[in-house]
C-alpha atoms as a PDB file:
ATOM      1  CA  MET A   1       4.597  19.426  22.331  1.00  0.00           C
ATOM      2  CA  LEU A   2       7.089  17.840  19.378  1.00  0.00           C
ATOM      3  CA  PRO A   3       7.688  19.919  16.478  1.00  0.00           C
ATOM      4  CA  SER A   4       6.393  17.957  13.270  1.00  0.00           C
ATOM      5  CA  HIS A   5       8.588  17.567  10.457  1.00  0.00           C
ATOM      6  CA  SER A   6       8.063  17.598   6.283  1.00  0.00           C
ATOM      7  CA  ASP A   7       7.328  14.266   4.833  1.00  0.00           C
ATOM      8  CA  PRO A   8      10.761  12.248   4.229  1.00  0.00           C
ATOM      9  CA  SER A   9       9.476   9.780   1.352  1.00  0.00           C
ATOM     10  CA  HIS A  10      11.704  11.348  -1.181  1.00  0.00           C
ATOM     11  CA  LEU A  11      14.604   9.988   1.217  1.00  0.00           C
ATOM     12  CA  LEU A  12      12.992   6.488   1.453  1.00  0.00           C
ATOM     13  CA  CYS A  13      13.660   5.730  -2.226  1.00  0.00           C
ATOM     14  CA  SER A  14      16.284   3.655  -3.585  1.00  0.00           C
ATOM     15  CA  SER A  15      18.622   6.401  -5.093  1.00  0.00           C
ATOM     16  CA  PRO A  16      21.953   5.940  -4.805  1.00  0.00           C
ATOM     17  CA  SER A  17      22.593   9.448  -3.041  1.00  0.00           C
ATOM     18  CA  ASN A  18      20.529   8.120   0.115  1.00  0.00           C
ATOM     19  CA  VAL A  19      21.688   4.933   0.377  1.00  0.00           C
ATOM     20  CA  TYR A  20      24.314   3.544   3.019  1.00  0.00           C
ATOM     21  CA  ASP A  21      24.928  -0.017   3.261  1.00  0.00           C
ATOM     22  CA  THR A  22      27.806  -1.635   5.103  1.00  0.00           C
ATOM     23  CA  GLY A  23      26.985  -5.086   3.673  1.00  0.00           C
ATOM     24  CA  ASN A  24      28.067  -7.566   5.953  1.00  0.00           C
ATOM     25  CA  HIS A  25      31.305  -5.996   6.798  1.00  0.00           C
ATOM     26  CA  VAL A  26      31.565  -5.392  10.847  1.00  0.00           C
ATOM     27  CA  SER A  27      33.823  -2.148  11.186  1.00  0.00           C
ATOM     28  CA  ARG A  28      35.693  -1.516  14.465  1.00  0.00           C
ATOM     29  CA  SER A  29      34.155   1.865  14.077  1.00  0.00           C
ATOM     30  CA  PHE A  30      30.965   0.722  15.740  1.00  0.00           C
ATOM     31  CA  VAL A  31      32.578   0.055  18.749  1.00  0.00           C
ATOM     32  CA  ASN A  32      32.657   3.904  19.831  1.00  0.00           C
ATOM     33  CA  SER A  33      31.149   5.721  22.594  1.00  0.00           C
ATOM     34  CA  SER A  34      27.274   5.870  22.044  1.00  0.00           C
ATOM     35  CA  ALA A  35      27.077   8.139  25.068  1.00  0.00           C
ATOM     36  CA  ASP A  36      29.570  10.402  23.806  1.00  0.00           C
ATOM     37  CA  PHE A  37      27.492  10.815  20.451  1.00  0.00           C
ATOM     38  CA  HIS A  38      24.175  11.214  22.034  1.00  0.00           C
ATOM     39  CA  LYS A  39      25.827  13.787  24.379  1.00  0.00           C
ATOM     40  CA  LYS A  40      26.875  16.013  21.781  1.00  0.00           C
ATOM     41  CA  ARG A  41      23.552  15.925  20.238  1.00  0.00           C
ATOM     42  CA  LYS A  42      21.924  19.335  20.836  1.00  0.00           C
ATOM     43  CA  SER A  43      19.034  19.730  18.461  1.00  0.00           C
ATOM     44  CA  LYS A  44      15.929  17.433  17.660  1.00  0.00           C
ATOM     45  CA  TRP A  45      16.283  15.057  15.017  1.00  0.00           C
ATOM     46  CA  THR A  46      15.004  15.461  11.497  1.00  0.00           C
ATOM     47  CA  ILE A  47      14.915  12.835   8.411  1.00  0.00           C
ATOM     48  CA  ASP A  48      16.920  15.155   7.016  1.00  0.00           C
ATOM     49  CA  ASP A  49      20.016  14.779   9.135  1.00  0.00           C
ATOM     50  CA  LEU A  50      20.070  10.957   8.015  1.00  0.00           C
ATOM     51  CA  ASP A  51      21.245   9.141   5.395  1.00  0.00           C
ATOM     52  CA  ILE A  52      18.957   6.027   4.926  1.00  0.00           C
ATOM     53  CA  GLY A  53      20.182   2.748   4.085  1.00  0.00           C
ATOM     54  CA  ARG A  54      19.200  -0.828   3.477  1.00  0.00           C
ATOM     55  CA  LYS A  55      16.443  -2.615   5.233  1.00  0.00           C
ATOM     56  CA  LEU A  56      17.314  -4.364   8.349  1.00  0.00           C
ATOM     57  CA  GLY A  57      14.131  -5.861   9.465  1.00  0.00           C
ATOM     58  CA  GLU A  58      10.019  -5.468   9.202  1.00  0.00           C
ATOM     59  CA  GLY A  59       7.185  -5.958  11.419  1.00  0.00           C
ATOM     60  CA  ARG A  60       3.609  -5.490  12.097  1.00  0.00           C
ATOM     61  CA  PHE A  61       3.691  -1.551  12.048  1.00  0.00           C
ATOM     62  CA  GLY A  62       6.899  -0.817  10.003  1.00  0.00           C
ATOM     63  CA  SER A  63      10.365  -1.540   9.399  1.00  0.00           C
ATOM     64  CA  VAL A  64      13.848  -0.992  10.705  1.00  0.00           C
ATOM     65  CA  HIS A  65      16.641   0.517   8.275  1.00  0.00           C
ATOM     66  CA  LEU A  66      20.187   1.084   8.538  1.00  0.00           C
ATOM     67  CA  ALA A  67      20.779   4.871   8.586  1.00  0.00           C
ATOM     68  CA  ARG A  68      23.733   7.414   9.199  1.00  0.00           C
ATOM     69  CA  GLU A  69      23.689  10.838  10.721  1.00  0.00           C
ATOM     70  CA  LYS A  70      24.920  12.981   7.773  1.00  0.00           C
ATOM     71  CA  ALA A  71      26.984  15.635  10.359  1.00  0.00           C
ATOM     72  CA  SER A  72      28.965  12.475  12.475  1.00  0.00           C
ATOM     73  CA  ARG A  73      28.721   9.918  10.347  1.00  0.00           C
ATOM     74  CA  PHE A  74      27.527   7.679  13.306  1.00  0.00           C
ATOM     75  CA  VAL A  75      25.714   4.610  12.413  1.00  0.00           C
ATOM     76  CA  ILE A  76      22.268   4.046  13.644  1.00  0.00           C
ATOM     77  CA  ALA A  77      18.975   1.948  13.154  1.00  0.00           C
ATOM     78  CA  LEU A  78      16.013   3.863  12.312  1.00  0.00           C
ATOM     79  CA  LYS A  79      13.221   1.837  13.231  1.00  0.00           C
ATOM     80  CA  ILE A  80      10.013   3.682  11.192  1.00  0.00           C
ATOM     81  CA  LEU A  81       6.371   2.950  12.281  1.00  0.00           C
ATOM     82  CA  LEU A  82       3.525   3.882   9.882  1.00  0.00           C
ATOM     83  CA  LYS A  83       0.740   5.599  11.673  1.00  0.00           C
ATOM     84  CA  PRO A  84      -1.983   4.384   9.396  1.00  0.00           C
ATOM     85  CA  ARG A  85      -1.227   0.856  10.832  1.00  0.00           C
ATOM     86  CA  LEU A  86      -1.470   2.210  14.596  1.00  0.00           C
ATOM     87  CA  VAL A  87      -5.062   2.116  14.398  1.00  0.00           C
ATOM     88  CA  THR A  88      -5.987   2.312  17.953  1.00  0.00           C
ATOM     89  CA  LYS A  89      -5.519   4.868  20.744  1.00  0.00           C
ATOM     90  CA  GLU A  90      -3.959   1.515  22.565  1.00  0.00           C
ATOM     91  CA  LEU A  91      -1.415   1.019  19.979  1.00  0.00           C
ATOM     92  CA  MET A  92      -0.271   4.368  20.401  1.00  0.00           C
ATOM     93  CA  LYS A  93       0.038   4.183  23.930  1.00  0.00           C
ATOM     94  CA  GLN A  94       2.190   0.994  23.497  1.00  0.00           C
ATOM     95  CA  VAL A  95       4.267   2.964  21.023  1.00  0.00           C
ATOM     96  CA  GLN A  96       4.583   5.721  23.951  1.00  0.00           C
ATOM     97  CA  ARG A  97       5.553   3.242  26.414  1.00  0.00           C
ATOM     98  CA  GLU A  98       8.189   1.536  24.101  1.00  0.00           C
ATOM     99  CA  ILE A  99       9.740   5.018  24.118  1.00  0.00           C
ATOM    100  CA  GLU A 100       9.382   6.270  27.603  1.00  0.00           C
ATOM    101  CA  ILE A 101      11.096   2.893  28.853  1.00  0.00           C
ATOM    102  CA  GLN A 102      13.695   2.114  26.293  1.00  0.00           C
ATOM    103  CA  SER A 103      15.145   5.681  26.083  1.00  0.00           C
ATOM    104  CA  HIS A 104      15.527   5.479  29.904  1.00  0.00           C
ATOM    105  CA  LEU A 105      17.384   2.381  29.870  1.00  0.00           C
ATOM    106  CA  LYS A 106      21.354   2.706  30.005  1.00  0.00           C
ATOM    107  CA  HIS A 107      22.783  -0.745  30.093  1.00  0.00           C
ATOM    108  CA  PRO A 108      25.526  -2.258  27.875  1.00  0.00           C
ATOM    109  CA  ASN A 109      23.030  -5.333  27.371  1.00  0.00           C
ATOM    110  CA  ILE A 110      20.306  -3.451  26.220  1.00  0.00           C
ATOM    111  CA  VAL A 111      19.656  -1.399  22.943  1.00  0.00           C
ATOM    112  CA  ARG A 112      20.103   1.933  23.318  1.00  0.00           C
ATOM    113  CA  MET A 113      17.093   4.422  22.078  1.00  0.00           C
ATOM    114  CA  TYR A 114      18.764   7.603  21.594  1.00  0.00           C
ATOM    115  CA  SER A 115      15.624  10.013  20.457  1.00  0.00           C
ATOM    116  CA  TYR A 116      12.676   9.651  18.417  1.00  0.00           C
ATOM    117  CA  PHE A 117      10.782  12.119  16.051  1.00  0.00           C
ATOM    118  CA  TYR A 118       7.696  12.188  13.644  1.00  0.00           C
ATOM    119  CA  ASP A 119       6.174  13.296  10.742  1.00  0.00           C
ATOM    120  CA  THR A 120       2.128  13.404   9.397  1.00  0.00           C
ATOM    121  CA  LYS A 121       2.670   9.454   8.254  1.00  0.00           C
ATOM    122  CA  ARG A 122       5.600   7.990  10.349  1.00  0.00           C
ATOM    123  CA  ILE A 123       7.210   7.737  13.808  1.00  0.00           C
ATOM    124  CA  TYR A 124      11.067   7.452  13.747  1.00  0.00           C
ATOM    125  CA  LEU A 125      12.962   5.620  16.642  1.00  0.00           C
ATOM    126  CA  VAL A 126      16.441   6.434  16.570  1.00  0.00           C
ATOM    127  CA  LEU A 127      17.965   3.304  18.010  1.00  0.00           C
ATOM    128  CA  GLU A 128      21.684   1.691  18.716  1.00  0.00           C
ATOM    129  CA  TYR A 129      22.513  -0.406  15.544  1.00  0.00           C
ATOM    130  CA  VAL A 130      23.581  -3.704  16.816  1.00  0.00           C
ATOM    131  CA  PRO A 131      25.189  -5.350  13.844  1.00  0.00           C
ATOM    132  CA  ARG A 132      25.199  -9.283  14.012  1.00  0.00           C
ATOM    133  CA  GLY A 133      21.638  -9.471  13.916  1.00  0.00           C
ATOM    134  CA  GLU A 134      19.333 -11.442  15.838  1.00  0.00           C
ATOM    135  CA  LEU A 135      20.215 -14.427  18.342  1.00  0.00           C
ATOM    136  CA  SER A 136      17.197 -16.789  16.510  1.00  0.00           C
ATOM    137  CA  LYS A 137      19.796 -16.417  13.545  1.00  0.00           C
ATOM    138  CA  GLU A 138      22.631 -17.825  15.247  1.00  0.00           C
ATOM    139  CA  ILE A 139      20.457 -20.660  16.695  1.00  0.00           C
ATOM    140  CA  ASN A 140      19.377 -21.493  13.283  1.00  0.00           C
ATOM    141  CA  ARG A 141      22.756 -21.171  11.984  1.00  0.00           C
ATOM    142  CA  PHE A 142      24.400 -23.533  14.524  1.00  0.00           C
ATOM    143  CA  GLY A 143      21.495 -25.662  15.514  1.00  0.00           C
ATOM    144  CA  HIS A 144      22.241 -25.064  19.384  1.00  0.00           C
ATOM    145  CA  PHE A 145      25.056 -23.673  21.369  1.00  0.00           C
ATOM    146  CA  GLY A 146      27.898 -25.158  23.448  1.00  0.00           C
ATOM    147  CA  ASP A 147      27.792 -24.548  27.462  1.00  0.00           C
ATOM    148  CA  SER A 148      30.285 -21.689  27.072  1.00  0.00           C
ATOM    149  CA  ARG A 149      28.436 -19.529  24.859  1.00  0.00           C
ATOM    150  CA  ALA A 150      25.062 -20.208  26.368  1.00  0.00           C
ATOM    151  CA  ALA A 151      26.238 -19.665  29.838  1.00  0.00           C
ATOM    152  CA  THR A 152      27.429 -16.324  28.588  1.00  0.00           C
ATOM    153  CA  TYR A 153      24.467 -15.187  27.045  1.00  0.00           C
ATOM    154  CA  VAL A 154      22.308 -16.232  30.118  1.00  0.00           C
ATOM    155  CA  TYR A 155      24.688 -14.310  32.489  1.00  0.00           C
ATOM    156  CA  GLN A 156      24.711 -11.415  30.476  1.00  0.00           C
ATOM    157  CA  LEU A 157      20.651 -11.376  30.058  1.00  0.00           C
ATOM    158  CA  SER A 158      20.259 -11.989  33.611  1.00  0.00           C
ATOM    159  CA  LYS A 159      22.350  -8.857  34.313  1.00  0.00           C
ATOM    160  CA  ALA A 160      20.272  -6.740  31.628  1.00  0.00           C
ATOM    161  CA  LEU A 161      16.828  -7.978  32.868  1.00  0.00           C
ATOM    162  CA  SER A 162      18.041  -7.884  36.746  1.00  0.00           C
ATOM    163  CA  TYR A 163      18.858  -3.811  35.777  1.00  0.00           C
ATOM    164  CA  CYS A 164      15.364  -3.509  34.187  1.00  0.00           C
ATOM    165  CA  HIS A 165      13.421  -4.965  37.304  1.00  0.00           C
ATOM    166  CA  GLN A 166      15.590  -2.488  39.268  1.00  0.00           C
ATOM    167  CA  ASN A 167      14.175   0.182  37.541  1.00  0.00           C
ATOM    168  CA  ASP A 168      10.703  -1.663  37.440  1.00  0.00           C
ATOM    169  CA  VAL A 169      10.494  -2.605  33.744  1.00  0.00           C
ATOM    170  CA  ILE A 170       9.255  -5.708  32.890  1.00  0.00           C
ATOM    171  CA  HIS A 171      10.118  -6.529  29.255  1.00  0.00           C
ATOM    172  CA  ARG A 172       7.648  -9.508  28.784  1.00  0.00           C
ATOM    173  CA  ASP A 173       8.479 -10.540  25.547  1.00  0.00           C
ATOM    174  CA  ILE A 174      12.228 -12.124  25.977  1.00  0.00           C
ATOM    175  CA  LYS A 175      12.974 -14.204  22.849  1.00  0.00           C
ATOM    176  CA  PRO A 176      15.807 -14.979  20.386  1.00  0.00           C
ATOM    177  CA  GLU A 177      14.218 -12.646  18.060  1.00  0.00           C
ATOM    178  CA  ASN A 178      14.521  -9.994  20.461  1.00  0.00           C
ATOM    179  CA  ILE A 179      17.982 -10.519  21.247  1.00  0.00           C
ATOM    180  CA  LEU A 180      20.580  -8.830  19.185  1.00  0.00           C
ATOM    181  CA  LEU A 181      24.720  -9.719  18.849  1.00  0.00           C
ATOM    182  CA  GLY A 182      26.916  -6.720  19.125  1.00  0.00           C
ATOM    183  CA  VAL A 183      30.036  -6.518  17.650  1.00  0.00           C
ATOM    184  CA  ARG A 184      31.887  -7.678  20.613  1.00  0.00           C
ATOM    185  CA  GLY A 185      29.861 -10.599  20.744  1.00  0.00           C
ATOM    186  CA  GLU A 186      27.593  -9.523  23.617  1.00  0.00           C
ATOM    187  CA  VAL A 187      23.683 -10.127  23.750  1.00  0.00           C
ATOM    188  CA  LYS A 188      21.706  -6.740  23.590  1.00  0.00           C
ATOM    189  CA  ILE A 189      18.076  -7.073  24.829  1.00  0.00           C
ATOM    190  CA  ALA A 190      15.854  -5.140  21.970  1.00  0.00           C
ATOM    191  CA  ASP A 191      12.131  -4.574  21.005  1.00  0.00           C
ATOM    192  CA  PHE A 192      10.339  -3.067  24.408  1.00  0.00           C
ATOM    193  CA  GLY A 193       6.921  -2.902  22.043  1.00  0.00           C
ATOM    194  CA  SER A 194       5.703  -5.512  25.104  1.00  0.00           C
ATOM    195  CA  ALA A 195       7.309  -3.874  28.151  1.00  0.00           C
ATOM    196  CA  VAL A 196       5.412  -1.977  30.877  1.00  0.00           C
ATOM    197  CA  HIS A 197       6.563   0.091  33.790  1.00  0.00           C
ATOM    198  CA  LEU A 198       5.466  -1.407  37.051  1.00  0.00           C
ATOM    199  CA  PRO A 199       5.554   1.067  40.203  1.00  0.00           C
ATOM    200  CA  ALA A 200       2.616  -1.470  41.820  1.00  0.00           C
ATOM    201  CA  SER A 201       3.686  -5.091  41.983  1.00  0.00           C
ATOM    202  CA  ARG A 202       1.396  -6.832  39.749  1.00  0.00           C
ATOM    203  CA  ARG A 203      -0.157  -6.642  36.189  1.00  0.00           C
ATOM    204  CA  MET A 204      -3.427  -8.030  34.574  1.00  0.00           C
ATOM    205  CA  THR A 205      -2.568  -7.871  30.907  1.00  0.00           C
ATOM    206  CA  THR A 206      -1.247 -10.604  28.664  1.00  0.00           C
ATOM    207  CA  PHE A 207       1.716  -9.569  26.030  1.00  0.00           C
ATOM    208  CA  GLY A 208       4.455 -11.921  24.421  1.00  0.00           C
ATOM    209  CA  THR A 209       5.069 -14.859  22.506  1.00  0.00           C
ATOM    210  CA  LEU A 210       3.109 -18.111  22.944  1.00  0.00           C
ATOM    211  CA  ASN A 211       6.016 -20.476  23.551  1.00  0.00           C
ATOM    212  CA  TYR A 212       7.686 -17.997  26.075  1.00  0.00           C
ATOM    213  CA  LEU A 213       4.631 -17.101  27.888  1.00  0.00           C
ATOM    214  CA  ALA A 214       4.807 -18.224  31.757  1.00  0.00           C
ATOM    215  CA  PRO A 215       2.021 -20.416  33.209  1.00  0.00           C
ATOM    216  CA  GLU A 216       0.418 -17.218  35.261  1.00  0.00           C
ATOM    217  CA  LEU A 217      -0.167 -15.488  32.053  1.00  0.00           C
ATOM    218  CA  PHE A 218      -3.100 -18.199  31.275  1.00  0.00           C
ATOM    219  CA  HIS A 219      -4.884 -17.862  34.169  1.00  0.00           C
ATOM    220  CA  LEU A 220      -8.391 -15.891  34.067  1.00  0.00           C
ATOM    221  CA  GLU A 221      -7.230 -12.995  36.083  1.00  0.00           C
ATOM    222  CA  CYS A 222      -3.656 -12.940  33.883  1.00  0.00           C
ATOM    223  CA  VAL A 223      -2.128 -11.349  37.327  1.00  0.00           C
ATOM    224  CA  HIS A 224       1.834 -11.418  36.628  1.00  0.00           C
ATOM    225  CA  ASP A 225       5.055  -9.545  37.704  1.00  0.00           C
ATOM    226  CA  HIS A 226       8.490  -9.464  36.836  1.00  0.00           C
ATOM    227  CA  ARG A 227       9.188 -13.020  36.985  1.00  0.00           C
ATOM    228  CA  VAL A 228       7.818 -13.708  33.617  1.00  0.00           C
ATOM    229  CA  ASP A 229      10.750 -12.697  32.373  1.00  0.00           C
ATOM    230  CA  ILE A 230      12.636 -15.304  34.571  1.00  0.00           C
ATOM    231  CA  TRP A 231      10.444 -17.712  33.045  1.00  0.00           C
ATOM    232  CA  SER A 232      11.192 -16.757  29.479  1.00  0.00           C
ATOM    233  CA  LEU A 233      14.947 -16.676  30.061  1.00  0.00           C
ATOM    234  CA  GLY A 234      14.420 -20.277  31.188  1.00  0.00           C
ATOM    235  CA  ILE A 235      12.769 -21.041  27.730  1.00  0.00           C
ATOM    236  CA  LEU A 236      15.856 -19.187  26.071  1.00  0.00           C
ATOM    237  CA  THR A 237      18.191 -21.311  28.112  1.00  0.00           C
ATOM    238  CA  PHE A 238      16.602 -24.403  27.092  1.00  0.00           C
ATOM    239  CA  GLU A 239      16.653 -23.201  23.232  1.00  0.00           C
ATOM    240  CA  MET A 240      19.994 -22.136  23.214  1.00  0.00           C
ATOM    241  CA  LEU A 241      21.379 -25.689  24.279  1.00  0.00           C
ATOM    242  CA  THR A 242      19.057 -28.151  22.575  1.00  0.00           C
ATOM    243  CA  GLY A 243      17.869 -25.947  19.419  1.00  0.00           C
ATOM    244  CA  HIS A 244      14.087 -26.543  20.136  1.00  0.00           C
ATOM    245  CA  LEU A 245      11.713 -25.397  22.390  1.00  0.00           C
ATOM    246  CA  PRO A 246      10.774 -27.329  25.714  1.00  0.00           C
ATOM    247  CA  PHE A 247       7.135 -26.450  25.205  1.00  0.00           C
ATOM    248  CA  ASP A 248       5.892 -26.900  21.545  1.00  0.00           C
ATOM    249  CA  GLY A 249       2.556 -28.085  19.726  1.00  0.00           C
ATOM    250  CA  GLU A 250       0.260 -27.708  16.654  1.00  0.00           C
ATOM    251  CA  THR A 251      -2.234 -25.677  18.329  1.00  0.00           C
ATOM    252  CA  PHE A 252      -2.367 -22.935  20.985  1.00  0.00           C
ATOM    253  CA  GLN A 253      -4.582 -25.506  23.509  1.00  0.00           C
ATOM    254  CA  GLU A 254      -1.940 -27.996  23.277  1.00  0.00           C
ATOM    255  CA  ILE A 255       1.278 -25.513  23.723  1.00  0.00           C
ATOM    256  CA  SER A 256      -0.485 -23.820  26.445  1.00  0.00           C
ATOM    257  CA  GLU A 257      -1.558 -26.649  28.419  1.00  0.00           C
ATOM    258  CA  LYS A 258       2.234 -27.824  28.343  1.00  0.00           C
ATOM    259  CA  ILE A 259       3.325 -24.761  29.671  1.00  0.00           C
ATOM    260  CA  GLN A 260       0.611 -24.759  32.324  1.00  0.00           C
ATOM    261  CA  TYR A 261       1.466 -28.444  33.428  1.00  0.00           C
ATOM    262  CA  ALA A 262       5.252 -26.848  33.320  1.00  0.00           C
ATOM    263  CA  ASP A 263       6.739 -30.508  32.822  1.00  0.00           C
ATOM    264  CA  VAL A 264      10.216 -30.122  30.677  1.00  0.00           C
ATOM    265  CA  SER A 265      11.494 -32.951  29.447  1.00  0.00           C
ATOM    266  CA  TYR A 266      15.375 -32.698  29.339  1.00  0.00           C
ATOM    267  CA  PRO A 267      17.776 -34.510  26.901  1.00  0.00           C
ATOM    268  CA  ASP A 268      20.422 -36.807  28.582  1.00  0.00           C
ATOM    269  CA  THR A 269      23.168 -34.954  26.652  1.00  0.00           C
ATOM    270  CA  LEU A 270      21.969 -31.699  28.647  1.00  0.00           C
ATOM    271  CA  ASN A 271      24.695 -30.788  31.148  1.00  0.00           C
ATOM    272  CA  LEU A 272      23.508 -31.272  34.975  1.00  0.00           C
ATOM    273  CA  GLY A 273      24.291 -28.271  35.812  1.00  0.00           C
ATOM    274  CA  ALA A 274      22.192 -26.561  33.138  1.00  0.00           C
ATOM    275  CA  THR A 275      19.454 -28.484  33.756  1.00  0.00           C
ATOM    276  CA  LYS A 276      19.608 -27.372  37.270  1.00  0.00           C
ATOM    277  CA  LEU A 277      19.481 -23.848  36.338  1.00  0.00           C
ATOM    278  CA  ILE A 278      16.689 -24.029  33.640  1.00  0.00           C
ATOM    279  CA  THR A 279      14.450 -26.260  36.213  1.00  0.00           C
ATOM    280  CA  SER A 280      14.921 -23.420  38.907  1.00  0.00           C
ATOM    281  CA  MET A 281      13.608 -20.691  36.281  1.00  0.00           C
ATOM    282  CA  LEU A 282      11.018 -23.132  34.828  1.00  0.00           C
ATOM    283  CA  LYS A 283       8.672 -23.194  38.422  1.00  0.00           C
ATOM    284  CA  LYS A 284       5.203 -23.448  37.740  1.00  0.00           C
ATOM    285  CA  LEU A 285       4.595 -20.969  40.957  1.00  0.00           C
ATOM    286  CA  SER A 286       6.179 -17.920  40.150  1.00  0.00           C
ATOM    287  CA  SER A 287       7.269 -17.365  43.550  1.00  0.00           C
ATOM    288  CA  GLN A 288       9.650 -20.459  43.522  1.00  0.00           C
ATOM    289  CA  ARG A 289      11.614 -19.018  40.805  1.00  0.00           C
ATOM    290  CA  VAL A 290      15.271 -18.336  41.091  1.00  0.00           C
ATOM    291  CA  SER A 291      16.062 -14.724  41.258  1.00  0.00           C
ATOM    292  CA  LEU A 292      18.300 -13.096  38.846  1.00  0.00           C
ATOM    293  CA  ASN A 293      20.681 -12.231  41.180  1.00  0.00           C
ATOM    294  CA  GLU A 294      21.181 -15.887  42.275  1.00  0.00           C
ATOM    295  CA  ILE A 295      21.789 -16.950  38.750  1.00  0.00           C
ATOM    296  CA  ASP A 296      25.849 -16.196  39.123  1.00  0.00           C
ATOM    297  CA  ASN A 297      25.708 -18.790  41.968  1.00  0.00           C
ATOM    298  CA  TYR A 298      24.993 -21.515  39.948  1.00  0.00           C
ATOM    299  CA  ASP A 299      28.043 -23.991  39.330  1.00  0.00           C
ATOM    300  CA  TRP A 300      27.091 -24.096  35.367  1.00  0.00           C
ATOM    301  CA  ILE A 301      27.270 -20.101  35.105  1.00  0.00           C
ATOM    302  CA  LYS A 302      30.453 -19.880  37.394  1.00  0.00           C
ATOM    303  CA  MET A 303      32.082 -22.852  34.959  1.00  0.00           C
ATOM    304  CA  ASN A 304      31.454 -21.943  31.674  1.00  0.00           C
ATOM    305  CA  ALA A 305      30.354 -18.225  31.372  1.00  0.00           C
ATOM    306  CA  GLU A 306      32.665 -15.865  29.534  1.00  0.00           C
ATOM    307  CA  PHE A 307      32.869 -12.630  31.884  1.00  0.00           C
ATOM    308  CA  SER A 308      35.232 -10.401  30.362  1.00  0.00           C
ATOM    309  CA  VAL A 309      35.103  -8.278  26.754  1.00  0.00           C
ATOM    310  CA  ASN A 310      38.350  -9.873  25.959  1.00  0.00           C
ATOM    311  CA  GLN A 311      36.819 -13.433  26.522  1.00  0.00           C
ATOM    312  CA  CYS A 312      33.935 -12.502  25.016  1.00  0.00           C
ATOM    313  CA  LEU A 313      35.997 -11.664  21.517  1.00  0.00           C
ATOM    314  CA  ALA A 314      38.014 -14.718  21.753  1.00  0.00           C
ATOM    315  CA  ALA A 315      35.161 -16.939  22.047  1.00  0.00           C
ATOM    316  CA  LEU A 316      33.191 -15.211  19.205  1.00  0.00           C
ATOM    317  CA  GLN A 317      36.155 -15.862  16.866  1.00  0.00           C
ATOM    318  CA  ASP A 318      36.318 -19.547  17.988  1.00  0.00           C
ATOM    319  CA  TRP A 319      32.580 -19.851  17.196  1.00  0.00           C
ATOM    320  CA  GLU A 320      33.265 -18.061  14.034  1.00  0.00           C
ATOM    321  CA  ASN A 321      36.132 -20.214  13.068  1.00  0.00           C
ATOM    322  CA  VAL A 322      34.101 -23.684  14.003  1.00  0.00           C
ATOM    323  CA  SER A 323      31.153 -22.253  11.582  1.00  0.00           C
ATOM    324  CA  ASN A 324      33.489 -21.662   8.881  1.00  0.00           C
ATOM    325  CA  GLN A 325      35.249 -25.207   8.927  1.00  0.00           C
ATOM    326  CA  ASN A 326      31.738 -26.960   9.276  1.00  0.00           C
ATOM    327  CA  SER A 327      29.978 -27.175   5.964  1.00  0.00           C
ATOM    328  CA  THR A 328      27.035 -28.369   7.483  1.00  0.00           C
ATOM    329  CA  CYS A 329      26.304 -25.145   9.323  1.00  0.00           C
ATOM    330  CA  PRO A 330      24.561 -22.794   7.076  1.00  0.00           C
ATOM    331  CA  SER A 331      26.894 -20.044   6.433  1.00  0.00           C
ATOM    332  CA  SER A 332      12.605   5.552  37.982  1.00  0.00           C
ATOM    333  CA  SER A 333      11.811   8.231  35.623  1.00  0.00           C
ATOM    334  CA  SER A 334       8.190   9.081  34.691  1.00  0.00           C
ATOM    335  CA  TYR A 335       6.522   6.370  32.463  1.00  0.00           C
ATOM    336  CA  GLU A 336       2.849   7.597  32.637  1.00  0.00           C
ATOM    337  CA  CYS A 337       0.802   7.464  29.758  1.00  0.00           C
ATOM    338  CA  SER A 338       0.083  11.105  28.579  1.00  0.00           C
ATOM    339  CA  SER A 339      -3.081  11.685  26.586  1.00  0.00           C
ATOM    340  CA  THR A 340      -1.548  14.603  25.037  1.00  0.00           C
ATOM    341  CA  PHE A 341       1.424  12.427  23.637  1.00  0.00           C
ATOM    342  CA  VAL A 342      -0.731  10.173  22.277  1.00  0.00           C
ATOM    343  CA  ASN A 343      -3.009  12.514  20.573  1.00  0.00           C
ATOM    344  CA  THR A 344       0.043  14.573  19.258  1.00  0.00           C
ATOM    345  CA  PHE A 345       1.131  11.592  17.443  1.00  0.00           C
ATOM    346  CA  SER A 346      -2.227  10.693  16.419  1.00  0.00           C
ATOM    347  CA  ASN A 347      -3.709  14.072  15.153  1.00  0.00           C
ATOM    348  CA  ASP A 348      -0.791  15.140  12.875  1.00  0.00           C
END
């Protein structure tokens, strides 16, 4: 059983002594060894270990803040979940799954979860800080990406998702808001709140975001497996290259019908190689979708993706230069659900 901690409300105010804020500056100090930082940490976390800074984002169940460990001055993102908003035992189990899954995943294109702790009012997730923010903001900023940038991201995401699937994890909510950009220009998958561990072959519950849902999720039985992530990656690839979604509409029914027909209309300007790859990911029948390991073999990936860190840094600098010159651009461990765990969280 985890120890409880004192109420941290005195640290969550805007007092200057408690606020750490990097503003928009991205320091090279963020390119450090999170693994070493994690290994050096021996004791349990408490809110008193941290300086809490500006809010990075907000969701249904709480918010994410920039924070810094006082002893090491290591910068993290602190996800703060409010217990009163987790009103059902199922929501508590969902948080448990998020913690158990994400804390076990260690991949350069997945946001690390270092630890968690809680008190009587809140649950705190100690996460890797990814300084360049959401991919969705970059799509809005540029309108759409060129082949090199999109292919690089698809390549990296395919490797991260392949790693998840090898560890029997389905993310189930791949979308631009859940992809973050690291200081090197790499993408990182975040937010495993909808993820499941899948030692069995199939699931029968629906999670995710409507426009990115695979056709099989609209069937009465809702039976699905890891290939729903491949579909979502296909949607994301289309969106990065065109700036809009392949299946969109005014109502749930309109969007869901388009998804179930799986009939994609490609703009003439889209690279034929990209079209071929997207088509292979957006197959109506999940059994016909390309495997993640086969994505490397597509000419569009081989000809356009930047594979090394140095290439990613150079490409990112090029993209920043273009933006600055363009005035039209806005500047297999255990994952079982434990009733003890849930009750411990909810009964404090």
